PDB file of N, CA and C in Angstrom:
ATOM      1  N   MET A   1      -7.954   2.768 -32.216  1.00  0.00           N
ATOM      2  CA  MET A   1      -7.292   3.436 -31.108  1.00  0.00           C
ATOM      3  C   MET A   1      -5.812   3.581 -31.427  1.00  0.00           C
ATOM      4  N   ASN A   2      -5.300   4.770 -31.289  1.00  0.00           N
ATOM      5  CA  ASN A   2      -3.880   5.031 -31.457  1.00  0.00           C
ATOM      6  C   ASN A   2      -3.210   4.801 -30.106  1.00  0.00           C
ATOM      7  N   CYS A   3      -2.235   3.916 -30.067  1.00  0.00           N
ATOM      8  CA  CYS A   3      -1.658   3.542 -28.778  1.00  0.00           C
ATOM      9  C   CYS A   3      -0.142   3.493 -28.873  1.00  0.00           C
ATOM     10  N   SER A   4       0.505   3.960 -27.828  1.00  0.00           N
ATOM     11  CA  SER A   4       1.956   3.828 -27.735  1.00  0.00           C
ATOM     12  C   SER A   4       2.316   3.518 -26.292  1.00  0.00           C
ATOM     13  N   GLY A   5       3.511   3.048 -26.091  1.00  0.00           N
ATOM     14  CA  GLY A   5       3.948   2.709 -24.742  1.00  0.00           C
ATOM     15  C   GLY A   5       3.640   1.270 -24.396  1.00  0.00           C
ATOM     16  N   SER A   6       3.884   0.947 -23.162  1.00  0.00           N
ATOM     17  CA  SER A   6       3.695  -0.437 -22.730  1.00  0.00           C
ATOM     18  C   SER A   6       2.214  -0.762 -22.564  1.00  0.00           C
ATOM     19  N   ILE A   7       1.904  -2.024 -22.810  1.00  0.00           N
ATOM     20  CA  ILE A   7       0.533  -2.520 -22.669  1.00  0.00           C
ATOM     21  C   ILE A   7       0.610  -3.782 -21.823  1.00  0.00           C
ATOM     22  N   ASN A   8      -0.151  -3.802 -20.747  1.00  0.00           N
ATOM     23  CA  ASN A   8      -0.137  -4.948 -19.838  1.00  0.00           C
ATOM     24  C   ASN A   8      -1.071  -6.047 -20.319  1.00  0.00           C
ATOM     25  N   GLY A   9      -0.634  -7.265 -20.122  1.00  0.00           N
ATOM     26  CA  GLY A   9      -1.475  -8.421 -20.392  1.00  0.00           C
ATOM     27  C   GLY A   9      -1.406  -9.376 -19.218  1.00  0.00           C
ATOM     28  N   SER A  10      -2.541  -9.845 -18.778  1.00  0.00           N
ATOM     29  CA  SER A  10      -2.585 -10.838 -17.701  1.00  0.00           C
ATOM     30  C   SER A  10      -3.980 -11.430 -17.654  1.00  0.00           C
ATOM     31  N   SER A  11      -4.116 -12.505 -16.938  1.00  0.00           N
ATOM     32  CA  SER A  11      -5.437 -13.101 -16.763  1.00  0.00           C
ATOM     33  C   SER A  11      -6.311 -12.181 -15.925  1.00  0.00           C
ATOM     34  N   ASN A  12      -7.613 -12.307 -16.108  1.00  0.00           N
ATOM     35  CA  ASN A  12      -8.566 -11.520 -15.325  1.00  0.00           C
ATOM     36  C   ASN A  12      -8.660 -12.073 -13.912  1.00  0.00           C
ATOM     37  N   GLY A  13      -8.753 -11.188 -12.938  1.00  0.00           N
ATOM     38  CA  GLY A  13      -8.949 -11.602 -11.557  1.00  0.00           C
ATOM     39  C   GLY A  13      -7.678 -11.546 -10.746  1.00  0.00           C
ATOM     40  N   THR A  14      -7.837 -11.815  -9.473  1.00  0.00           N
ATOM     41  CA  THR A  14      -6.701 -11.827  -8.553  1.00  0.00           C
ATOM     42  C   THR A  14      -6.779 -13.073  -7.683  1.00  0.00           C
ATOM     43  N   ILE A  15      -5.662 -13.400  -7.095  1.00  0.00           N
ATOM     44  CA  ILE A  15      -5.607 -14.469  -6.104  1.00  0.00           C
ATOM     45  C   ILE A  15      -4.634 -14.007  -5.031  1.00  0.00           C
ATOM     46  N   SER A  16      -4.992 -14.226  -3.803  1.00  0.00           N
ATOM     47  CA  SER A  16      -4.114 -13.795  -2.715  1.00  0.00           C
ATOM     48  C   SER A  16      -3.133 -14.907  -2.370  1.00  0.00           C
ATOM     49  N   LEU A  17      -2.057 -14.511  -1.748  1.00  0.00           N
ATOM     50  CA  LEU A  17      -1.070 -15.493  -1.307  1.00  0.00           C
ATOM     51  C   LEU A  17      -1.689 -16.463  -0.310  1.00  0.00           C
ATOM     52  N   ILE A  18      -2.567 -15.968   0.556  1.00  0.00           N
ATOM     53  CA  ILE A  18      -3.194 -16.856   1.539  1.00  0.00           C
ATOM     54  C   ILE A  18      -4.098 -17.883   0.853  1.00  0.00           C
ATOM     55  N   GLU A  19      -4.750 -17.511  -0.258  1.00  0.00           N
ATOM     56  CA  GLU A  19      -5.549 -18.490  -1.009  1.00  0.00           C
ATOM     57  C   GLU A  19      -4.659 -19.603  -1.553  1.00  0.00           C
ATOM     58  N   ILE A  20      -3.501 -19.224  -2.075  1.00  0.00           N
ATOM     59  CA  ILE A  20      -2.571 -20.223  -2.612  1.00  0.00           C
ATOM     60  C   ILE A  20      -2.042 -21.106  -1.488  1.00  0.00           C
ATOM     61  N   ILE A  21      -1.659 -20.489  -0.376  1.00  0.00           N
ATOM     62  CA  ILE A  21      -1.154 -21.254   0.768  1.00  0.00           C
ATOM     63  C   ILE A  21      -2.208 -22.244   1.255  1.00  0.00           C
ATOM     64  N   ASN A  22      -3.433 -21.776   1.447  1.00  0.00           N
ATOM     65  CA  ASN A  22      -4.504 -22.662   1.917  1.00  0.00           C
ATOM     66  C   ASN A  22      -4.742 -23.810   0.947  1.00  0.00           C
ATOM     67  N   TYR A  23      -4.726 -23.515  -0.340  1.00  0.00           N
ATOM     68  CA  TYR A  23      -4.948 -24.546  -1.348  1.00  0.00           C
ATOM     69  C   TYR A  23      -3.847 -25.608  -1.284  1.00  0.00           C
ATOM     70  N   VAL A  24      -2.594 -25.161  -1.246  1.00  0.00           N
ATOM     71  CA  VAL A  24      -1.465 -26.099  -1.211  1.00  0.00           C
ATOM     72  C   VAL A  24      -1.497 -26.925   0.072  1.00  0.00           C
ATOM     73  N   GLU A  25      -1.773 -26.290   1.196  1.00  0.00           N
ATOM     74  CA  GLU A  25      -1.845 -27.036   2.459  1.00  0.00           C
ATOM     75  C   GLU A  25      -2.937 -28.103   2.406  1.00  0.00           C
ATOM     76  N   ASN A  26      -4.095 -27.754   1.864  1.00  0.00           N
ATOM     77  CA  ASN A  26      -5.196 -28.722   1.771  1.00  0.00           C
ATOM     78  C   ASN A  26      -4.877 -29.864   0.821  1.00  0.00           C
ATOM     79  N   LYS A  27      -4.223 -29.566  -0.302  1.00  0.00           N
ATOM     80  CA  LYS A  27      -3.903 -30.603  -1.290  1.00  0.00           C
ATOM     81  C   LYS A  27      -2.787 -31.529  -0.826  1.00  0.00           C
ATOM     82  N   THR A  28      -1.838 -31.006  -0.061  1.00  0.00           N
ATOM     83  CA  THR A  28      -0.662 -31.792   0.314  1.00  0.00           C
ATOM     84  C   THR A  28      -0.714 -32.328   1.741  1.00  0.00           C
ATOM     85  N   ASN A  29      -1.676 -31.851   2.525  1.00  0.00           N
ATOM     86  CA  ASN A  29      -1.734 -32.191   3.954  1.00  0.00           C
ATOM     87  C   ASN A  29      -0.434 -31.837   4.670  1.00  0.00           C
ATOM     88  N   LYS A  30       0.202 -30.766   4.209  1.00  0.00           N
ATOM     89  CA  LYS A  30       1.421 -30.260   4.834  1.00  0.00           C
ATOM     90  C   LYS A  30       1.211 -28.797   5.180  1.00  0.00           C
ATOM     91  N   LYS A  31       1.878 -28.351   6.216  1.00  0.00           N
ATOM     92  CA  LYS A  31       1.784 -26.966   6.654  1.00  0.00           C
ATOM     93  C   LYS A  31       2.895 -26.154   5.996  1.00  0.00           C
ATOM     94  N   VAL A  32       2.542 -25.004   5.451  1.00  0.00           N
ATOM     95  CA  VAL A  32       3.521 -24.108   4.849  1.00  0.00           C
ATOM     96  C   VAL A  32       4.368 -23.491   5.961  1.00  0.00           C
ATOM     97  N   ILE A  33       5.653 -23.385   5.725  1.00  0.00           N
ATOM     98  CA  ILE A  33       6.559 -22.751   6.682  1.00  0.00           C
ATOM     99  C   ILE A  33       6.872 -21.352   6.165  1.00  0.00           C
ATOM    100  N   ILE A  34       6.539 -20.359   6.961  1.00  0.00           N
ATOM    101  CA  ILE A  34       6.795 -18.970   6.578  1.00  0.00           C
ATOM    102  C   ILE A  34       7.948 -18.456   7.422  1.00  0.00           C
ATOM    103  N   ASP A  35       8.987 -17.998   6.754  1.00  0.00           N
ATOM    104  CA  ASP A  35      10.169 -17.475   7.430  1.00  0.00           C
ATOM    105  C   ASP A  35      10.147 -15.955   7.344  1.00  0.00           C
ATOM    106  N   LEU A  36       9.893 -15.303   8.455  1.00  0.00           N
ATOM    107  CA  LEU A  36       9.828 -13.841   8.477  1.00  0.00           C
ATOM    108  C   LEU A  36      11.190 -13.195   8.275  1.00  0.00           C
ATOM    109  N   ASN A  37      12.252 -13.991   8.326  1.00  0.00           N
ATOM    110  CA  ASN A  37      13.601 -13.474   8.123  1.00  0.00           C
ATOM    111  C   ASN A  37      14.094 -13.702   6.698  1.00  0.00           C
ATOM    112  N   GLY A  38      13.196 -14.056   5.797  1.00  0.00           N
ATOM    113  CA  GLY A  38      13.580 -14.332   4.415  1.00  0.00           C
ATOM    114  C   GLY A  38      13.972 -13.073   3.665  1.00  0.00           C
ATOM    115  N   ASP A  39      14.308 -13.260   2.407  1.00  0.00           N
ATOM    116  CA  ASP A  39      14.717 -12.143   1.557  1.00  0.00           C
ATOM    117  C   ASP A  39      13.576 -11.148   1.388  1.00  0.00           C
ATOM    118  N   LYS A  40      13.903  -9.878   1.415  1.00  0.00           N
ATOM    119  CA  LYS A  40      12.910  -8.839   1.162  1.00  0.00           C
ATOM    120  C   LYS A  40      12.641  -8.786  -0.340  1.00  0.00           C
ATOM    121  N   ALA A  41      11.384  -8.595  -0.698  1.00  0.00           N
ATOM    122  CA  ALA A  41      10.985  -8.483  -2.097  1.00  0.00           C
ATOM    123  C   ALA A  41       9.907  -7.410  -2.200  1.00  0.00           C
ATOM    124  N   PRO A  42       9.767  -6.786  -3.363  1.00  0.00           N
ATOM    125  CA  PRO A  42       8.849  -5.647  -3.477  1.00  0.00           C
ATOM    126  C   PRO A  42       7.382  -5.968  -3.213  1.00  0.00           C
ATOM    127  N   TYR A  43       6.964  -7.209  -3.391  1.00  0.00           N
ATOM    128  CA  TYR A  43       5.549  -7.537  -3.226  1.00  0.00           C
ATOM    129  C   TYR A  43       5.268  -8.357  -1.974  1.00  0.00           C
ATOM    130  N   ASN A  44       6.237  -8.506  -1.092  1.00  0.00           N
ATOM    131  CA  ASN A  44       6.042  -9.327   0.106  1.00  0.00           C
ATOM    132  C   ASN A  44       4.876  -8.875   0.968  1.00  0.00           C
ATOM    133  N   SER A  45       4.628  -7.590   1.049  1.00  0.00           N
ATOM    134  CA  SER A  45       3.573  -7.107   1.943  1.00  0.00           C
ATOM    135  C   SER A  45       2.214  -7.000   1.260  1.00  0.00           C
ATOM    136  N   GLU A  46       2.142  -7.316  -0.029  1.00  0.00           N
ATOM    137  CA  GLU A  46       0.877  -7.212  -0.760  1.00  0.00           C
ATOM    138  C   GLU A  46      -0.011  -8.408  -0.446  1.00  0.00           C
ATOM    139  N   LYS A  47      -1.266  -8.142  -0.109  1.00  0.00           N
ATOM    140  CA  LYS A  47      -2.214  -9.231   0.133  1.00  0.00           C
ATOM    141  C   LYS A  47      -2.732  -9.790  -1.193  1.00  0.00           C
ATOM    142  N   ALA A  48      -2.869  -8.936  -2.181  1.00  0.00           N
ATOM    143  CA  ALA A  48      -3.285  -9.336  -3.523  1.00  0.00           C
ATOM    144  C   ALA A  48      -2.700  -8.327  -4.504  1.00  0.00           C
ATOM    145  N   TYR A  49      -2.498  -8.752  -5.722  1.00  0.00           N
ATOM    146  CA  TYR A  49      -1.880  -7.887  -6.716  1.00  0.00           C
ATOM    147  C   TYR A  49      -2.522  -8.187  -8.065  1.00  0.00           C
ATOM    148  N   SER A  50      -2.856  -7.162  -8.802  1.00  0.00           N
ATOM    149  CA  SER A  50      -3.404  -7.366 -10.138  1.00  0.00           C
ATOM    150  C   SER A  50      -2.804  -6.337 -11.089  1.00  0.00           C
ATOM    151  N   ILE A  51      -2.951  -6.585 -12.369  1.00  0.00           N
ATOM    152  CA  ILE A  51      -2.410  -5.707 -13.402  1.00  0.00           C
ATOM    153  C   ILE A  51      -3.574  -5.121 -14.193  1.00  0.00           C
ATOM    154  N   ASN A  52      -3.529  -3.826 -14.439  1.00  0.00           N
ATOM    155  CA  ASN A  52      -4.568  -3.161 -15.218  1.00  0.00           C
ATOM    156  C   ASN A  52      -4.361  -3.480 -16.701  1.00  0.00           C
ATOM    157  N   THR A  53      -5.352  -4.121 -17.298  1.00  0.00           N
ATOM    158  CA  THR A  53      -5.266  -4.527 -18.704  1.00  0.00           C
ATOM    159  C   THR A  53      -6.224  -3.734 -19.596  1.00  0.00           C
ATOM    160  N   ASP A  54      -6.685  -2.591 -19.120  1.00  0.00           N
ATOM    161  CA  ASP A  54      -7.672  -1.810 -19.878  1.00  0.00           C
ATOM    162  C   ASP A  54      -7.185  -1.443 -21.282  1.00  0.00           C
ATOM    163  N   LYS A  55      -5.921  -1.012 -21.421  1.00  0.00           N
ATOM    164  CA  LYS A  55      -5.400  -0.646 -22.749  1.00  0.00           C
ATOM    165  C   LYS A  55      -5.472  -1.834 -23.702  1.00  0.00           C
ATOM    166  N   ALA A  56      -5.034  -2.987 -23.228  1.00  0.00           N
ATOM    167  CA  ALA A  56      -5.037  -4.187 -24.069  1.00  0.00           C
ATOM    168  C   ALA A  56      -6.464  -4.562 -24.462  1.00  0.00           C
ATOM    169  N   LYS A  57      -7.388  -4.487 -23.515  1.00  0.00           N
ATOM    170  CA  LYS A  57      -8.788  -4.814 -23.813  1.00  0.00           C
ATOM    171  C   LYS A  57      -9.365  -3.823 -24.818  1.00  0.00           C
ATOM    172  N   ASP A  58      -9.006  -2.541 -24.683  1.00  0.00           N
ATOM    173  CA  ASP A  58      -9.470  -1.529 -25.637  1.00  0.00           C
ATOM    174  C   ASP A  58      -8.958  -1.821 -27.045  1.00  0.00           C
ATOM    175  N   LEU A  59      -7.808  -2.494 -27.142  1.00  0.00           N
ATOM    176  CA  LEU A  59      -7.244  -2.858 -28.446  1.00  0.00           C
ATOM    177  C   LEU A  59      -7.799  -4.182 -28.967  1.00  0.00           C
ATOM    178  N   GLY A  60      -8.678  -4.824 -28.181  1.00  0.00           N
ATOM    179  CA  GLY A  60      -9.326  -6.047 -28.643  1.00  0.00           C
ATOM    180  C   GLY A  60      -8.776  -7.336 -28.064  1.00  0.00           C
ATOM    181  N   PHE A  61      -7.783  -7.249 -27.203  1.00  0.00           N
ATOM    182  CA  PHE A  61      -7.247  -8.458 -26.591  1.00  0.00           C
ATOM    183  C   PHE A  61      -8.223  -8.990 -25.548  1.00  0.00           C
ATOM    184  N   GLU A  62      -8.289 -10.306 -25.441  1.00  0.00           N
ATOM    185  CA  GLU A  62      -9.131 -10.954 -24.437  1.00  0.00           C
ATOM    186  C   GLU A  62      -8.250 -11.839 -23.570  1.00  0.00           C
ATOM    187  N   PHE A  63      -8.582 -11.918 -22.302  1.00  0.00           N
ATOM    188  CA  PHE A  63      -7.776 -12.682 -21.358  1.00  0.00           C
ATOM    189  C   PHE A  63      -8.643 -13.690 -20.618  1.00  0.00           C
ATOM    190  N   SER A  64      -8.046 -14.816 -20.286  1.00  0.00           N
ATOM    191  CA  SER A  64      -8.766 -15.849 -19.536  1.00  0.00           C
ATOM    192  C   SER A  64      -8.901 -15.429 -18.074  1.00  0.00           C
ATOM    193  N   ASN A  65      -9.760 -16.138 -17.355  1.00  0.00           N
ATOM    194  CA  ASN A  65      -9.917 -15.891 -15.926  1.00  0.00           C
ATOM    195  C   ASN A  65      -8.862 -16.676 -15.156  1.00  0.00           C
ATOM    196  N   LEU A  66      -8.161 -15.996 -14.280  1.00  0.00           N
ATOM    197  CA  LEU A  66      -7.071 -16.590 -13.509  1.00  0.00           C
ATOM    198  C   LEU A  66      -7.510 -17.852 -12.774  1.00  0.00           C
ATOM    199  N   LYS A  67      -8.653 -17.775 -12.107  1.00  0.00           N
ATOM    200  CA  LYS A  67      -9.084 -18.923 -11.305  1.00  0.00           C
ATOM    201  C   LYS A  67      -9.624 -20.060 -12.160  1.00  0.00           C
ATOM    202  N   GLY A  68      -9.706 -19.847 -13.472  1.00  0.00           N
ATOM    203  CA  GLY A  68     -10.096 -20.909 -14.382  1.00  0.00           C
ATOM    204  C   GLY A  68      -8.953 -21.865 -14.700  1.00  0.00           C
ATOM    205  N   TRP A  69      -7.702 -21.481 -14.370  1.00  0.00           N
ATOM    206  CA  TRP A  69      -6.565 -22.344 -14.698  1.00  0.00           C
ATOM    207  C   TRP A  69      -5.501 -22.423 -13.598  1.00  0.00           C
ATOM    208  N   ILE A  70      -5.465 -21.475 -12.675  1.00  0.00           N
ATOM    209  CA  ILE A  70      -4.354 -21.419 -11.717  1.00  0.00           C
ATOM    210  C   ILE A  70      -4.272 -22.658 -10.829  1.00  0.00           C
ATOM    211  N   PHE A  71      -5.418 -23.190 -10.407  1.00  0.00           N
ATOM    212  CA  PHE A  71      -5.375 -24.343  -9.504  1.00  0.00           C
ATOM    213  C   PHE A  71      -4.909 -25.606 -10.227  1.00  0.00           C
ATOM    214  N   ASN A  72      -5.212 -25.725 -11.513  1.00  0.00           N
ATOM    215  CA  ASN A  72      -4.674 -26.848 -12.296  1.00  0.00           C
ATOM    216  C   ASN A  72      -3.156 -26.747 -12.404  1.00  0.00           C
ATOM    217  N   LEU A  73      -2.644 -25.541 -12.557  1.00  0.00           N
ATOM    218  CA  LEU A  73      -1.195 -25.348 -12.626  1.00  0.00           C
ATOM    219  C   LEU A  73      -0.537 -25.692 -11.291  1.00  0.00           C
ATOM    220  N   ILE A  74      -1.142 -25.262 -10.197  1.00  0.00           N
ATOM    221  CA  ILE A  74      -0.605 -25.596  -8.871  1.00  0.00           C
ATOM    222  C   ILE A  74      -0.619 -27.106  -8.674  1.00  0.00           C
ATOM    223  N   ASP A  75      -1.718 -27.764  -9.073  1.00  0.00           N
ATOM    224  CA  ASP A  75      -1.797 -29.230  -8.972  1.00  0.00           C
ATOM    225  C   ASP A  75      -0.669 -29.898  -9.753  1.00  0.00           C
ATOM    226  N   TYR A  76      -0.382 -29.378 -10.936  1.00  0.00           N
ATOM    227  CA  TYR A  76       0.687 -29.924 -11.769  1.00  0.00           C
ATOM    228  C   TYR A  76       2.021 -29.892 -11.018  1.00  0.00           C
ATOM    229  N   TYR A  77       2.325 -28.756 -10.397  1.00  0.00           N
ATOM    230  CA  TYR A  77       3.596 -28.635  -9.682  1.00  0.00           C
ATOM    231  C   TYR A  77       3.613 -29.450  -8.394  1.00  0.00           C
ATOM    232  N   ILE A  78       2.475 -29.601  -7.762  1.00  0.00           N
ATOM    233  CA  ILE A  78       2.405 -30.479  -6.588  1.00  0.00           C
ATOM    234  C   ILE A  78       2.715 -31.911  -7.010  1.00  0.00           C
ATOM    235  N   GLU A  79       2.122 -32.350  -8.122  1.00  0.00           N
ATOM    236  CA  GLU A  79       2.375 -33.707  -8.619  1.00  0.00           C
ATOM    237  C   GLU A  79       3.837 -33.892  -9.006  1.00  0.00           C
ATOM    238  N   LEU A  80       4.446 -32.892  -9.644  1.00  0.00           N
ATOM    239  CA  LEU A  80       5.871 -32.978  -9.992  1.00  0.00           C
ATOM    240  C   LEU A  80       6.726 -33.154  -8.740  1.00  0.00           C
ATOM    241  N   ASN A  81       6.371 -32.452  -7.697  1.00  0.00           N
ATOM    242  CA  ASN A  81       7.126 -32.510  -6.446  1.00  0.00           C
ATOM    243  C   ASN A  81       6.965 -33.862  -5.756  1.00  0.00           C
ATOM    244  N   ASN A  82       5.860 -34.544  -6.017  1.00  0.00           N
ATOM    245  CA  ASN A  82       5.600 -35.838  -5.374  1.00  0.00           C
ATOM    246  C   ASN A  82       6.247 -37.009  -6.096  1.00  0.00           C
ATOM    247  N   LYS A  83       6.885 -36.770  -7.230  1.00  0.00           N
ATOM    248  CA  LYS A  83       7.509 -37.870  -7.997  1.00  0.00           C
ATOM    249  C   LYS A  83       8.862 -38.214  -7.445  1.00  0.00           C
TER     250      LYS A  83
END
């Protein structure tokens, strides 16, 4: 395949912000505080976001599944915060 331009790479799958919030609340037994007056950001209103990796896959790249590692990473940061 002849390819030029940018090529996206990311893990397969999506996770919503509410999934992350629910997971953190359950793991920490703390309630997340959401401030509706916070800084505006381009993805604040997105319920889920994913990146199209078709070009990269066509070139032979393989990506892991997001939910195969994301919760371990969140656990790591929860543990760091508890030290």
